[in-house]
Every structure is written in C-alpha cells, then in structure tokens.
Amino acid sequence: MAEVDLKDPLAAFRLDGEVAVVTGGANGLGRAIGTALAGAGAIVVLADHETAAARAAAEDSALGRGRAEARAMDVTDEATIAHVFEAVVAAHGRLDILINNAGIALRRPAVELELDDWHRVMDVNLTGVFLCARHAARHMIAAGGGRIVNMASIMSFSGGGLYPNISYQSSKGAVLNLTRALAVEWAPHNIRVNAVAPTWTRTRLISGFLEQPDVVAALEAMMPLGRLADPEDIVGAVLFLVSRAAAMVTGHTLPVDGGFLAQ
C-alpha cells in the first residue's frame, strides 16, 4: 500500500478500483457504508439475505452510479458465504475490503432468553463475522493483503444500557476480541482487521425505540453529545480504517459513541 502524500492527505482516503463486500448492506448502516465506499471509488457488493432490498439499494443512483451490485447472502450459511466471495473474485478479479456489518438483536432478560434465541444472535453476530472474515481472508492472502472492518458496538465494552440485552452484549464483546485475534494472526499476510463500535444509531435495529419519545430522550441523556447517531456519523470511521490513512492501524476497535464510554 502506497504511503500517504502529506501534500494531498485526502488522497489517502480514495479507494479507486478496489472491491468491497458489505454484509447487511441492503439497509441502514450497511447501505450508508456502501454509499461512502462507492463515493471513495470502490466497487461495492451489497451482500444481504434481503435480496430485493439489496438490489434496490445497488440500483440507487446515490449509492454508486453503477459502482454497486447486490448478492444474496445469509451469514449463517457457510456454503452461501463461500459462493459469494468466489463469485465476487471471479467477476472483479480481486477482493480488497470486507465490512462485517450484518447483525441482529433479541432483547430479553437472561432468565427469560430462550436458548434458540441465544444461538440465533450468536450465529449472526459472531459466527457469521468469523465465517465471512475467514472466507474473505483466504482470497486476500492469495492476493497479498486486504482490510476487514467488523461492526462491534458500545455494548462490546459495557454491560449497561436501559434494558437487558445479554445475547447482543455477549456477541459484540466477542467480536472485539475476535478482531484482535484475527489482526494478530493475519498481520503477516498484510491483512488489517479492525472494528467500529457505534452507539445507538437511527437504523431499523432500534426502530421500536425510535417510536417511543421517552426512550429516545433517556438514551440521548446518556450521551455527552446529547443525541443518537445517524448512519452518516459512523461511515467516516469505517472509511478511515479501510484507507491508506490507517495503514498502521490493526487490532483496534474505534468507538463512535457520542462520548458514552468516556463517562
């Protein structure tokens, strides 16, 4: 990877000609990340089990003016994951970036959480991240390097919040250390692995809360900056971590949290 030109440091954020896969890319944060990567010059593959929504997002002129495509992917199905990455490399000749964004939350107190629900959250939020990272890395190793960004959470660091969310907190805490472990293991292959840890963000994942003004007010009161995040607040951190500007950053989890963790 070329060094940053200090006379034109913004050029280090360009991704021209590179290929990025964004899981959970059909909506919300995944779509916003895909739009930002395409805006920086990447060819973006929106991988999502909601295939029609991913296709509609890829056809949105705001996303990439022909620089995006949709692929059907269930991150709990390893055969599908392998097929998608193989197809992407066959179509474009390379795979440079993976954004592990797909995730779910099932909010239940620990004593009431069904085991099947626990497994479902772990399968998507943790095992899905591992499987996508592993299959992406196989192609990246063969090509001489790449970058992976996993979507962690402020709940990777905290067991608090307004409500019990044990399966989500556990899965996102594990993503933090998975990120560190993969970063160390794959550093000799020139693969950088980092994570972004957003605060509560205005996406479908918390849509139920957004319809309750008292809950929104309580969440905002927990933020030193006094508001929830929008998807556009998160994409800059992702773009930084996959760019040349972060060439010496690996194994790091970057909170984008409005000051929540500083308290």
Protein backbone atom coordinates (compact mmCIF):
# COMPACT_ATOMS: atom_id res chain seq x y z
CA MET A 1 0.00 0.00 0.00
CA ALA A 2 1.37 3.38 -1.02
CA GLU A 3 2.43 5.91 1.58
CA VAL A 4 0.28 8.94 2.34
CA ASP A 5 1.20 12.04 0.35
CA LEU A 6 1.34 14.75 3.01
CA LYS A 7 0.81 17.39 0.34
CA ASP A 8 -2.51 15.74 -0.55
CA PRO A 9 -3.55 13.73 2.53
CA LEU A 10 -7.16 13.39 1.41
CA ALA A 11 -5.96 11.21 -1.48
CA ALA A 12 -5.18 8.53 1.11
CA PHE A 13 -8.92 8.02 1.57
CA ARG A 14 -9.53 7.14 -2.09
CA LEU A 15 -10.41 3.52 -2.91
CA ASP A 16 -10.40 3.73 -6.69
CA GLY A 17 -10.53 0.34 -8.39
CA GLU A 18 -10.85 -1.60 -5.14
CA VAL A 19 -13.62 -4.12 -4.42
CA ALA A 20 -15.54 -4.11 -1.13
CA VAL A 21 -18.15 -6.50 0.25
CA VAL A 22 -20.60 -5.10 2.82
CA THR A 23 -22.73 -7.66 4.66
CA GLY A 24 -26.15 -6.49 5.74
CA GLY A 25 -25.76 -3.90 3.02
CA ALA A 26 -29.38 -3.52 1.97
CA ASN A 27 -30.47 -1.06 4.63
CA GLY A 28 -29.45 1.34 7.35
CA LEU A 29 -25.82 1.42 8.36
CA GLY A 30 -24.72 -1.12 5.75
CA ARG A 31 -26.26 0.90 2.96
CA ALA A 32 -24.68 4.11 4.27
CA ILE A 33 -21.28 2.44 4.44
CA GLY A 34 -21.69 1.09 0.92
CA THR A 35 -22.57 4.56 -0.33
CA ALA A 36 -19.47 6.05 1.29
CA LEU A 37 -17.16 3.36 -0.10
CA ALA A 38 -18.60 3.79 -3.58
CA GLY A 39 -18.17 7.54 -3.22
CA ALA A 40 -14.49 6.94 -2.47
CA GLY A 41 -14.16 4.99 -5.71
CA ALA A 42 -14.70 1.36 -4.68
CA ILE A 43 -16.84 -1.21 -6.44
CA VAL A 44 -19.29 -2.21 -3.69
CA VAL A 45 -21.04 -5.55 -3.28
CA LEU A 46 -24.08 -5.33 -1.01
CA ALA A 47 -24.47 -8.83 0.45
CA ASP A 48 -27.74 -9.41 2.26
CA HIS A 49 -30.39 -12.07 2.76
CA GLU A 50 -32.94 -9.39 1.81
CA THR A 51 -32.01 -9.72 -1.83
CA ALA A 52 -34.68 -7.44 -3.29
CA ALA A 53 -33.77 -4.62 -0.90
CA ALA A 54 -30.07 -5.08 -1.64
CA ARG A 55 -30.79 -4.96 -5.37
CA ALA A 56 -32.83 -1.78 -4.95
CA ALA A 57 -30.02 -0.21 -2.93
CA ALA A 58 -27.45 -1.18 -5.56
CA GLU A 59 -29.58 0.43 -8.27
CA ASP A 60 -29.92 3.68 -6.32
CA SER A 61 -28.00 6.33 -8.24
CA ALA A 62 -26.93 7.90 -4.95
CA LEU A 63 -25.01 4.79 -3.99
CA GLY A 64 -22.58 4.47 -6.80
CA ARG A 65 -23.77 5.30 -10.30
CA GLY A 66 -23.10 1.77 -11.46
CA ARG A 67 -20.43 1.04 -8.86
CA ALA A 68 -22.62 -1.24 -6.73
CA GLU A 69 -24.17 -4.67 -7.09
CA ALA A 70 -26.25 -6.98 -4.90
CA ARG A 71 -25.53 -10.54 -3.86
CA ALA A 72 -27.78 -12.85 -1.85
CA MET A 73 -26.03 -13.90 1.35
CA ASP A 74 -27.11 -15.48 4.62
CA VAL A 75 -24.19 -15.04 7.03
CA THR A 76 -25.24 -18.18 8.91
CA ASP A 77 -24.87 -20.33 5.76
CA GLU A 78 -21.22 -21.08 5.06
CA ALA A 79 -21.84 -22.51 1.60
CA THR A 80 -23.56 -19.29 0.55
CA ILE A 81 -20.75 -17.20 2.01
CA ALA A 82 -18.10 -19.17 0.13
CA HIS A 83 -20.08 -18.86 -3.11
CA VAL A 84 -20.46 -15.09 -2.80
CA PHE A 85 -16.76 -14.44 -2.25
CA GLU A 86 -15.77 -16.78 -5.04
CA ALA A 87 -18.26 -15.08 -7.37
CA VAL A 88 -17.01 -11.61 -6.44
CA VAL A 89 -13.40 -12.53 -7.13
CA ALA A 90 -14.36 -14.27 -10.37
CA ALA A 91 -16.30 -11.20 -11.53
CA HIS A 92 -13.87 -8.50 -10.47
CA GLY A 93 -10.53 -10.25 -10.15
CA ARG A 94 -9.94 -9.08 -6.60
CA LEU A 95 -11.33 -8.60 -3.09
CA ASP A 96 -9.81 -5.76 -1.08
CA ILE A 97 -12.27 -4.93 1.68
CA LEU A 98 -14.83 -6.72 3.84
CA ILE A 99 -17.25 -4.86 6.11
CA ASN A 100 -18.86 -7.32 8.53
CA ASN A 101 -22.00 -5.30 9.23
CA ALA A 102 -24.84 -7.85 9.40
CA GLY A 103 -26.29 -8.14 12.89
CA ILE A 104 -29.44 -8.68 14.93
CA ALA A 105 -30.66 -8.07 18.48
CA LEU A 106 -33.19 -10.03 20.56
CA ARG A 107 -33.69 -8.10 23.79
CA ARG A 108 -34.66 -10.42 26.65
CA PRO A 109 -33.67 -10.71 30.32
CA ALA A 110 -31.14 -13.52 30.78
CA VAL A 111 -33.54 -15.71 32.80
CA GLU A 112 -36.18 -15.44 30.05
CA LEU A 113 -33.97 -15.76 26.96
CA GLU A 114 -34.69 -18.95 25.06
CA LEU A 115 -31.64 -20.98 24.07
CA ASP A 116 -32.68 -20.89 20.42
CA ASP A 117 -32.72 -17.09 20.57
CA TRP A 118 -29.26 -17.06 22.16
CA HIS A 119 -27.95 -19.28 19.37
CA ARG A 120 -29.62 -17.15 16.69
CA VAL A 121 -27.90 -13.97 17.88
CA MET A 122 -24.54 -15.71 18.21
CA ASP A 123 -24.89 -17.32 14.78
CA VAL A 124 -25.43 -13.97 13.07
CA ASN A 125 -23.38 -11.55 15.18
CA LEU A 126 -20.34 -13.71 15.96
CA THR A 127 -20.15 -16.89 13.88
CA GLY A 128 -21.28 -15.00 10.78
CA VAL A 129 -18.50 -12.46 11.30
CA PHE A 130 -15.94 -15.25 11.69
CA LEU A 131 -17.12 -17.16 8.62
CA CYS A 132 -17.19 -14.09 6.37
CA ALA A 133 -13.79 -12.98 7.62
CA ARG A 134 -12.31 -16.44 7.08
CA HIS A 135 -13.57 -16.81 3.52
CA ALA A 136 -12.58 -13.24 2.64
CA ALA A 137 -9.13 -13.76 4.13
CA ARG A 138 -8.49 -16.84 2.00
CA HIS A 139 -8.80 -14.66 -1.10
CA MET A 140 -6.92 -11.76 0.49
CA ILE A 141 -4.00 -13.99 1.50
CA ALA A 142 -3.71 -15.27 -2.06
CA ALA A 143 -3.73 -11.67 -3.34
CA GLY A 144 -1.20 -10.32 -0.83
CA GLY A 145 -3.43 -8.40 1.58
CA GLY A 146 -6.71 -6.71 2.39
CA ARG A 147 -8.71 -4.94 5.05
CA ILE A 148 -11.55 -6.14 7.25
CA VAL A 149 -13.76 -3.99 9.47
CA ASN A 150 -16.10 -5.72 11.91
CA MET A 151 -19.11 -3.94 13.35
CA ALA A 152 -18.82 -4.10 17.12
CA SER A 153 -20.84 -1.89 19.49
CA ILE A 154 -20.53 0.22 22.60
CA MET A 155 -22.04 -2.90 24.17
CA SER A 156 -18.74 -4.61 23.35
CA PHE A 157 -17.38 -2.61 26.29
CA SER A 158 -20.44 -2.18 28.51
CA GLY A 159 -22.98 -4.42 30.18
CA GLY A 160 -25.26 -1.45 30.85
CA GLY A 161 -27.94 0.39 28.94
CA LEU A 162 -31.66 0.85 29.51
CA TYR A 163 -32.72 -2.76 29.07
CA PRO A 164 -31.39 -6.34 29.33
CA ASN A 165 -29.64 -7.39 26.13
CA ILE A 166 -27.37 -10.23 27.23
CA SER A 167 -27.08 -12.10 23.91
CA TYR A 168 -26.26 -8.95 21.92
CA GLN A 169 -23.77 -7.70 24.51
CA SER A 170 -22.05 -11.09 24.66
CA SER A 171 -21.83 -11.44 20.90
CA LYS A 172 -20.47 -7.93 20.41
CA GLY A 173 -17.95 -8.36 23.23
CA ALA A 174 -16.71 -11.47 21.46
CA VAL A 175 -16.42 -9.57 18.17
CA LEU A 176 -14.00 -7.18 19.87
CA ASN A 177 -11.58 -9.94 20.81
CA LEU A 178 -12.14 -11.84 17.55
CA THR A 179 -10.98 -8.65 15.83
CA ARG A 180 -7.80 -8.56 17.90
CA ALA A 181 -7.05 -12.25 17.38
CA LEU A 182 -7.56 -12.15 13.61
CA ALA A 183 -5.49 -8.97 13.36
CA VAL A 184 -2.55 -10.69 15.01
CA GLU A 185 -2.94 -13.91 13.03
CA TRP A 186 -3.29 -12.26 9.65
CA ALA A 187 -0.85 -9.36 10.04
CA PRO A 188 1.95 -11.40 8.35
CA HIS A 189 -0.36 -11.63 5.32
CA ASN A 190 -0.83 -7.84 5.17
CA ILE A 191 -4.46 -8.09 6.23
CA ARG A 192 -5.54 -5.40 8.65
CA VAL A 193 -8.52 -6.25 10.88
CA ASN A 194 -10.25 -3.55 12.89
CA ALA A 195 -13.70 -2.84 14.30
CA VAL A 196 -16.02 0.13 14.75
CA ALA A 197 -18.19 0.35 17.87
CA PRO A 198 -21.22 2.58 17.25
CA THR A 199 -23.55 3.94 19.88
CA TRP A 200 -27.33 3.68 19.43
CA THR A 201 -27.82 4.60 15.78
CA ARG A 202 -31.02 5.53 13.99
CA THR A 203 -31.47 2.34 11.98
CA ARG A 204 -34.02 -0.45 11.81
CA LEU A 205 -32.22 -2.28 14.63
CA ILE A 206 -33.66 0.21 17.16
CA SER A 207 -36.76 1.22 15.21
CA GLY A 208 -39.02 0.19 18.08
CA PHE A 209 -37.26 2.62 20.41
CA LEU A 210 -37.39 5.45 17.89
CA GLU A 211 -41.20 5.33 18.11
CA GLN A 212 -41.03 5.97 21.87
CA PRO A 213 -40.04 9.59 22.61
CA ASP A 214 -39.42 8.85 26.29
CA VAL A 215 -36.95 6.08 25.43
CA VAL A 216 -35.18 8.26 22.87
CA ALA A 217 -34.91 11.03 25.46
CA ALA A 218 -33.46 8.60 28.00
CA LEU A 219 -30.89 7.33 25.51
CA GLU A 220 -29.94 10.85 24.48
CA ALA A 221 -29.47 11.75 28.14
CA MET A 222 -26.79 9.03 28.32
CA MET A 223 -24.77 10.70 25.54
CA PRO A 224 -22.45 13.59 26.40
CA LEU A 225 -23.10 14.90 22.88
CA GLY A 226 -26.81 14.75 23.63
CA ARG A 227 -28.11 12.81 20.64
CA LEU A 228 -28.30 9.42 18.98
CA ALA A 229 -26.09 8.72 15.98
CA ASP A 230 -27.23 8.72 12.38
CA PRO A 231 -25.71 6.20 9.94
CA GLU A 232 -23.74 9.02 8.33
CA ASP A 233 -21.99 9.61 11.67
CA ILE A 234 -20.45 6.12 11.53
CA VAL A 235 -19.19 5.88 7.96
CA GLY A 236 -16.17 8.16 8.42
CA ALA A 237 -14.63 5.78 10.94
CA VAL A 238 -15.13 2.85 8.57
CA LEU A 239 -13.67 4.74 5.62
CA PHE A 240 -10.64 5.70 7.70
CA LEU A 241 -9.96 2.11 8.79
CA VAL A 242 -10.07 0.70 5.25
CA SER A 243 -7.98 3.52 3.77
CA ARG A 244 -4.25 4.10 3.39
CA ALA A 245 -4.56 6.68 6.15
CA ALA A 246 -4.89 3.77 8.62
CA ALA A 247 -2.04 1.70 7.19
CA MET A 248 -0.52 1.17 10.66
CA VAL A 249 -3.81 0.51 12.46
CA THR A 250 -4.82 -3.08 13.13
CA GLY A 251 -6.47 -4.93 16.00
CA HIS A 252 -8.19 -1.72 17.10
CA THR A 253 -11.84 -1.09 17.95
CA LEU A 254 -12.84 2.52 17.34
CA PRO A 255 -15.89 3.70 19.33
CA VAL A 256 -18.16 6.21 17.63
CA ASP A 257 -20.29 6.79 20.67
CA GLY A 258 -21.03 10.44 21.38
CA GLY A 259 -18.86 10.18 24.49
CA PHE A 260 -20.86 7.33 26.08
CA LEU A 261 -17.80 5.28 27.05
CA ALA A 262 -15.91 8.29 28.41
CA GLN A 263 -18.25 8.60 31.39
